[in-house]
Each structure stands twice: as C-alpha cells, then as structure tokens.
C-alpha cells in the first residue's frame, strides 16, 4: 500500500477496493503512460518483501488497466479493469494486463 500511495501521490489516488484489491486512478494520463507508471510500481513491489512470523514473504500484484474518463460509466471501467486483472491472475499473476481479454 505504501509503494502504491507513494507512486501515485499528486497524480491520482489509491483506495482499498475489496479485500486484497486496490483501485488506482491516474488523472490526465493515457494508457501507455499509465502502464509505464504501473511497471515501475510493479518492479518496486517485486523487489520488496515483508517479514511475518519470522518468514520472508514476497508480494505479487496483478494489475488490470482500463482507460476512460468520467463521462464513461464508472461501472463499465471497473468491470473492464477487474476482468483484465482476473485474466492476469489466471495467466500466472504478477503482471499488468492492458489489452482486451475474452
């Protein structure tokens, strides 16, 4: 959560979205640039670890990316991003999915 917040600060916002999911909203940025930003975030997460009960835990994240503006119905943007994220999890996790999936 700290990595996400630090990387989005001043350019959007991050919020907890369900149990282990986060919603990241970048303002005034296109799909290509948001994916580049998320790649930097993902690399930081891949390099980090958490110690719990004397065990080192590596965290993975899978991102589903949807592009739109607030004129598009938010429910559709959330559905698109969620569909891509679930696809990424089924395809091995720890990745960014921005292309259309079936």
N, C-alpha and C. Protein backbone atom coordinates (compact mmCIF):
# COMPACT_ATOMS: atom_id res chain seq x y z
N UNK A 1 0.83 -1.19 0.00
CA UNK A 1 0.00 0.00 0.00
C UNK A 1 0.87 1.26 0.00
N UNK A 2 1.95 1.23 0.75
CA UNK A 2 2.85 2.40 0.79
C UNK A 2 3.49 2.65 -0.56
N UNK A 3 3.90 1.60 -1.24
CA UNK A 3 4.50 1.76 -2.56
C UNK A 3 3.49 2.36 -3.53
N UNK A 4 2.27 1.86 -3.50
CA UNK A 4 1.22 2.38 -4.38
C UNK A 4 0.97 3.85 -4.09
N UNK A 5 0.77 4.17 -2.84
CA UNK A 5 0.46 5.56 -2.47
C UNK A 5 1.59 6.49 -2.86
N UNK A 6 2.82 6.12 -2.58
CA UNK A 6 3.99 6.95 -2.89
C UNK A 6 4.10 7.21 -4.39
N UNK A 7 3.79 6.24 -5.21
CA UNK A 7 3.96 6.38 -6.65
C UNK A 7 2.81 7.11 -7.34
N UNK A 8 1.67 7.18 -6.70
CA UNK A 8 0.51 7.82 -7.31
C UNK A 8 0.30 9.23 -6.77
N UNK A 9 0.87 9.52 -5.63
CA UNK A 9 0.66 10.82 -4.97
C UNK A 9 0.87 11.99 -5.93
N UNK A 10 -0.10 12.88 -5.94
CA UNK A 10 -0.04 14.07 -6.77
C UNK A 10 -0.50 13.87 -8.20
N UNK A 11 -0.75 12.62 -8.60
CA UNK A 11 -1.16 12.32 -9.97
C UNK A 11 -2.45 11.52 -10.04
N UNK A 12 -3.04 11.26 -8.87
CA UNK A 12 -4.26 10.47 -8.81
C UNK A 12 -4.49 10.04 -7.39
N UNK A 13 -5.12 8.87 -7.24
CA UNK A 13 -5.35 8.37 -5.88
C UNK A 13 -5.40 6.85 -5.88
N UNK A 14 -5.22 6.30 -4.68
CA UNK A 14 -5.28 4.86 -4.45
C UNK A 14 -6.27 4.63 -3.32
N UNK A 15 -7.08 3.58 -3.46
CA UNK A 15 -8.04 3.24 -2.41
C UNK A 15 -8.14 1.72 -2.31
N UNK A 16 -8.38 1.24 -1.11
CA UNK A 16 -8.64 -0.19 -0.93
C UNK A 16 -9.96 -0.49 -1.63
N UNK A 17 -9.99 -1.57 -2.40
CA UNK A 17 -11.18 -1.93 -3.18
C UNK A 17 -11.46 -3.40 -2.93
N UNK A 18 -12.20 -3.69 -1.93
CA UNK A 18 -12.44 -5.08 -1.58
C UNK A 18 -11.34 -5.59 -0.66
N UNK A 19 -11.31 -6.89 -0.46
CA UNK A 19 -10.37 -7.50 0.48
C UNK A 19 -8.91 -7.20 0.21
N UNK A 20 -8.38 -7.77 -0.85
CA UNK A 20 -6.96 -7.61 -1.16
C UNK A 20 -6.77 -6.84 -2.46
N UNK A 21 -7.75 -6.07 -2.86
CA UNK A 21 -7.67 -5.33 -4.12
C UNK A 21 -7.57 -3.83 -3.84
N UNK A 22 -6.90 -3.17 -4.77
CA UNK A 22 -6.75 -1.72 -4.70
C UNK A 22 -7.27 -1.12 -5.99
N UNK A 23 -7.81 0.06 -5.89
CA UNK A 23 -8.23 0.84 -7.05
C UNK A 23 -7.22 1.97 -7.19
N UNK A 24 -6.60 2.07 -8.35
CA UNK A 24 -5.65 3.14 -8.63
C UNK A 24 -6.24 3.98 -9.76
N UNK A 25 -6.35 5.26 -9.53
CA UNK A 25 -6.86 6.17 -10.55
C UNK A 25 -5.79 7.21 -10.84
N UNK A 26 -5.29 7.21 -12.07
CA UNK A 26 -4.38 8.26 -12.54
C UNK A 26 -5.22 9.30 -13.25
N UNK A 27 -4.94 10.54 -13.00
CA UNK A 27 -5.67 11.63 -13.63
C UNK A 27 -4.85 12.17 -14.82
N UNK A 28 -5.53 12.44 -15.92
CA UNK A 28 -4.91 13.07 -17.10
C UNK A 28 -3.67 12.32 -17.58
N UNK A 29 -3.81 11.00 -17.78
CA UNK A 29 -2.70 10.19 -18.27
C UNK A 29 -3.29 9.13 -19.22
N UNK A 30 -2.57 8.82 -20.28
CA UNK A 30 -3.08 7.85 -21.24
C UNK A 30 -2.69 6.42 -20.84
N UNK A 31 -3.20 5.46 -21.59
CA UNK A 31 -2.97 4.04 -21.29
C UNK A 31 -1.48 3.70 -21.30
N UNK A 32 -0.77 4.14 -22.32
CA UNK A 32 0.65 3.81 -22.43
C UNK A 32 1.43 4.33 -21.22
N UNK A 33 1.21 5.59 -20.87
CA UNK A 33 1.93 6.18 -19.75
C UNK A 33 1.52 5.56 -18.41
N UNK A 34 0.25 5.23 -18.26
CA UNK A 34 -0.17 4.61 -17.01
C UNK A 34 0.45 3.22 -16.87
N UNK A 35 0.56 2.49 -17.97
CA UNK A 35 1.20 1.17 -17.92
C UNK A 35 2.68 1.30 -17.57
N UNK A 36 3.34 2.33 -18.08
CA UNK A 36 4.74 2.56 -17.72
C UNK A 36 4.87 2.88 -16.23
N UNK A 37 3.96 3.69 -15.72
CA UNK A 37 3.96 4.00 -14.28
C UNK A 37 3.75 2.74 -13.47
N UNK A 38 2.79 1.92 -13.88
CA UNK A 38 2.50 0.69 -13.15
C UNK A 38 3.65 -0.31 -13.24
N UNK A 39 4.36 -0.31 -14.34
CA UNK A 39 5.54 -1.19 -14.46
C UNK A 39 6.59 -0.81 -13.43
N UNK A 40 6.79 0.49 -13.21
CA UNK A 40 7.73 0.94 -12.19
C UNK A 40 7.25 0.51 -10.80
N UNK A 41 5.95 0.64 -10.54
CA UNK A 41 5.37 0.22 -9.27
C UNK A 41 5.56 -1.29 -9.09
N UNK A 42 5.24 -2.04 -10.12
CA UNK A 42 5.35 -3.50 -10.05
C UNK A 42 6.79 -3.93 -9.78
N UNK A 43 7.75 -3.26 -10.40
CA UNK A 43 9.16 -3.59 -10.15
C UNK A 43 9.55 -3.31 -8.70
N UNK A 44 9.05 -2.23 -8.13
CA UNK A 44 9.32 -1.94 -6.72
C UNK A 44 8.71 -3.02 -5.83
N UNK A 45 7.51 -3.44 -6.16
CA UNK A 45 6.84 -4.48 -5.36
C UNK A 45 7.60 -5.80 -5.48
N UNK A 46 8.05 -6.13 -6.68
CA UNK A 46 8.80 -7.37 -6.88
C UNK A 46 10.09 -7.39 -6.07
N UNK A 47 10.67 -6.23 -5.85
CA UNK A 47 11.93 -6.14 -5.11
C UNK A 47 11.73 -6.05 -3.60
N UNK A 48 10.51 -5.92 -3.16
CA UNK A 48 10.26 -5.76 -1.72
C UNK A 48 9.83 -7.09 -1.10
N UNK A 49 9.89 -7.12 0.21
CA UNK A 49 9.44 -8.29 0.94
C UNK A 49 8.91 -7.82 2.29
N UNK A 50 8.15 -8.71 2.93
CA UNK A 50 7.57 -8.43 4.23
C UNK A 50 7.94 -9.59 5.15
N UNK A 51 8.36 -9.26 6.37
CA UNK A 51 8.65 -10.32 7.33
C UNK A 51 7.43 -10.52 8.22
N UNK A 52 7.00 -11.78 8.33
CA UNK A 52 5.85 -12.12 9.15
C UNK A 52 6.10 -13.47 9.80
N UNK A 53 5.98 -13.53 11.12
CA UNK A 53 6.24 -14.78 11.87
C UNK A 53 7.58 -15.39 11.49
N UNK A 54 8.59 -14.54 11.41
CA UNK A 54 9.96 -14.96 11.11
C UNK A 54 10.11 -15.57 9.71
N UNK A 55 9.19 -15.26 8.84
CA UNK A 55 9.28 -15.72 7.45
C UNK A 55 9.30 -14.50 6.54
N UNK A 56 10.05 -14.59 5.47
CA UNK A 56 10.11 -13.54 4.47
C UNK A 56 9.05 -13.85 3.41
N UNK A 57 8.17 -12.91 3.19
CA UNK A 57 7.08 -13.08 2.23
C UNK A 57 7.29 -12.12 1.07
N UNK A 58 7.25 -12.63 -0.12
CA UNK A 58 7.31 -11.81 -1.34
C UNK A 58 5.88 -11.50 -1.77
N UNK A 59 5.65 -10.27 -2.12
CA UNK A 59 4.32 -9.84 -2.54
C UNK A 59 4.27 -9.79 -4.05
N UNK A 60 3.16 -10.24 -4.61
CA UNK A 60 2.93 -10.10 -6.05
C UNK A 60 1.69 -9.24 -6.25
N UNK A 61 1.62 -8.61 -7.40
CA UNK A 61 0.43 -7.83 -7.75
C UNK A 61 0.12 -8.04 -9.21
N UNK A 62 -1.14 -8.08 -9.50
CA UNK A 62 -1.61 -8.17 -10.87
C UNK A 62 -2.52 -6.98 -11.11
N UNK A 63 -2.23 -6.23 -12.17
CA UNK A 63 -2.99 -5.02 -12.48
C UNK A 63 -3.83 -5.21 -13.73
N UNK A 64 -5.08 -4.81 -13.67
CA UNK A 64 -5.94 -4.71 -14.84
C UNK A 64 -6.14 -3.24 -15.13
N UNK A 65 -5.86 -2.80 -16.34
CA UNK A 65 -5.88 -1.38 -16.67
C UNK A 65 -7.01 -1.08 -17.65
N UNK A 66 -7.80 -0.08 -17.31
CA UNK A 66 -8.87 0.40 -18.19
C UNK A 66 -8.68 1.89 -18.38
N UNK A 67 -8.91 2.35 -19.59
CA UNK A 67 -8.75 3.77 -19.88
C UNK A 67 -10.11 4.38 -20.15
N UNK A 68 -10.33 5.53 -19.62
CA UNK A 68 -11.58 6.22 -19.85
C UNK A 68 -11.60 7.54 -19.12
N UNK A 69 -12.71 8.18 -19.21
CA UNK A 69 -12.89 9.40 -18.43
C UNK A 69 -14.19 9.28 -17.67
N UNK A 70 -14.46 10.26 -16.88
CA UNK A 70 -15.63 10.16 -16.02
C UNK A 70 -16.94 10.37 -16.76
N UNK A 71 -16.86 10.59 -18.07
CA UNK A 71 -18.09 10.61 -18.87
C UNK A 71 -18.53 9.19 -19.19
N UNK A 72 -17.57 8.26 -19.22
CA UNK A 72 -17.90 6.85 -19.41
C UNK A 72 -18.40 6.31 -18.07
N UNK A 73 -19.36 5.46 -18.11
CA UNK A 73 -19.91 4.95 -16.85
C UNK A 73 -18.84 4.23 -16.04
N UNK A 74 -18.69 4.65 -14.81
CA UNK A 74 -17.65 4.09 -13.95
C UNK A 74 -17.79 2.59 -13.78
N UNK A 75 -19.00 2.12 -13.69
CA UNK A 75 -19.22 0.68 -13.53
C UNK A 75 -18.56 -0.10 -14.67
N UNK A 76 -18.63 0.43 -15.88
CA UNK A 76 -18.02 -0.25 -17.03
C UNK A 76 -16.49 -0.22 -16.94
N UNK A 77 -15.93 0.89 -16.49
CA UNK A 77 -14.47 0.96 -16.31
C UNK A 77 -14.02 -0.04 -15.26
N UNK A 78 -14.73 -0.11 -14.13
CA UNK A 78 -14.37 -1.05 -13.08
C UNK A 78 -14.47 -2.49 -13.58
N UNK A 79 -15.54 -2.78 -14.31
CA UNK A 79 -15.75 -4.13 -14.84
C UNK A 79 -14.62 -4.51 -15.80
N UNK A 80 -14.23 -3.59 -16.66
CA UNK A 80 -13.14 -3.86 -17.61
C UNK A 80 -11.83 -4.10 -16.89
N UNK A 81 -11.50 -3.23 -15.95
CA UNK A 81 -10.25 -3.40 -15.20
C UNK A 81 -10.25 -4.71 -14.41
N UNK A 82 -11.37 -5.02 -13.78
CA UNK A 82 -11.47 -6.25 -12.99
C UNK A 82 -11.33 -7.48 -13.87
N UNK A 83 -11.95 -7.47 -15.03
CA UNK A 83 -11.84 -8.59 -15.97
C UNK A 83 -10.38 -8.82 -16.38
N UNK A 84 -9.68 -7.75 -16.66
CA UNK A 84 -8.26 -7.85 -17.04
C UNK A 84 -7.41 -8.35 -15.88
N UNK A 85 -7.70 -7.87 -14.67
CA UNK A 85 -6.95 -8.31 -13.51
C UNK A 85 -7.16 -9.80 -13.26
N UNK A 86 -8.39 -10.26 -13.35
CA UNK A 86 -8.68 -11.69 -13.15
C UNK A 86 -7.99 -12.53 -14.23
N UNK A 87 -7.99 -12.06 -15.46
CA UNK A 87 -7.29 -12.75 -16.54
C UNK A 87 -5.80 -12.87 -16.20
N UNK A 88 -5.21 -11.77 -15.75
CA UNK A 88 -3.80 -11.78 -15.37
C UNK A 88 -3.50 -12.76 -14.26
N UNK A 89 -4.39 -12.86 -13.30
CA UNK A 89 -4.20 -13.83 -12.22
C UNK A 89 -4.24 -15.25 -12.75
N UNK A 90 -5.17 -15.52 -13.68
CA UNK A 90 -5.26 -16.87 -14.26
C UNK A 90 -4.05 -17.19 -15.13
N UNK A 91 -3.39 -16.16 -15.64
CA UNK A 91 -2.25 -16.36 -16.52
C UNK A 91 -0.91 -16.32 -15.78
N UNK A 92 -0.93 -16.42 -14.47
CA UNK A 92 0.31 -16.54 -13.73
C UNK A 92 0.59 -15.43 -12.73
N UNK A 93 -0.24 -14.43 -12.66
CA UNK A 93 -0.09 -13.36 -11.68
C UNK A 93 1.14 -12.48 -11.94
N UNK A 94 1.25 -11.44 -11.09
CA UNK A 94 2.43 -10.58 -11.07
C UNK A 94 2.68 -9.91 -12.42
N UNK A 95 1.64 -9.30 -12.99
CA UNK A 95 1.75 -8.70 -14.31
C UNK A 95 0.74 -7.58 -14.49
N UNK A 96 0.87 -6.88 -15.59
CA UNK A 96 -0.04 -5.80 -15.97
C UNK A 96 -0.77 -6.24 -17.22
N UNK A 97 -2.11 -6.17 -17.19
CA UNK A 97 -2.91 -6.53 -18.35
C UNK A 97 -3.66 -5.28 -18.80
N UNK A 98 -3.34 -4.82 -20.01
CA UNK A 98 -3.99 -3.62 -20.52
C UNK A 98 -4.73 -3.90 -21.83
N UNK A 99 -4.40 -4.98 -22.47
CA UNK A 99 -5.08 -5.34 -23.72
C UNK A 99 -6.42 -5.99 -23.45
N UNK A 100 -7.32 -5.92 -24.39
CA UNK A 100 -8.64 -6.54 -24.25
C UNK A 100 -8.49 -8.05 -24.05
N UNK A 101 -9.32 -8.60 -23.18
CA UNK A 101 -9.32 -10.05 -22.92
C UNK A 101 -10.72 -10.59 -23.13
N UNK A 102 -10.80 -11.88 -23.34
CA UNK A 102 -12.11 -12.52 -23.52
C UNK A 102 -12.45 -13.39 -22.35
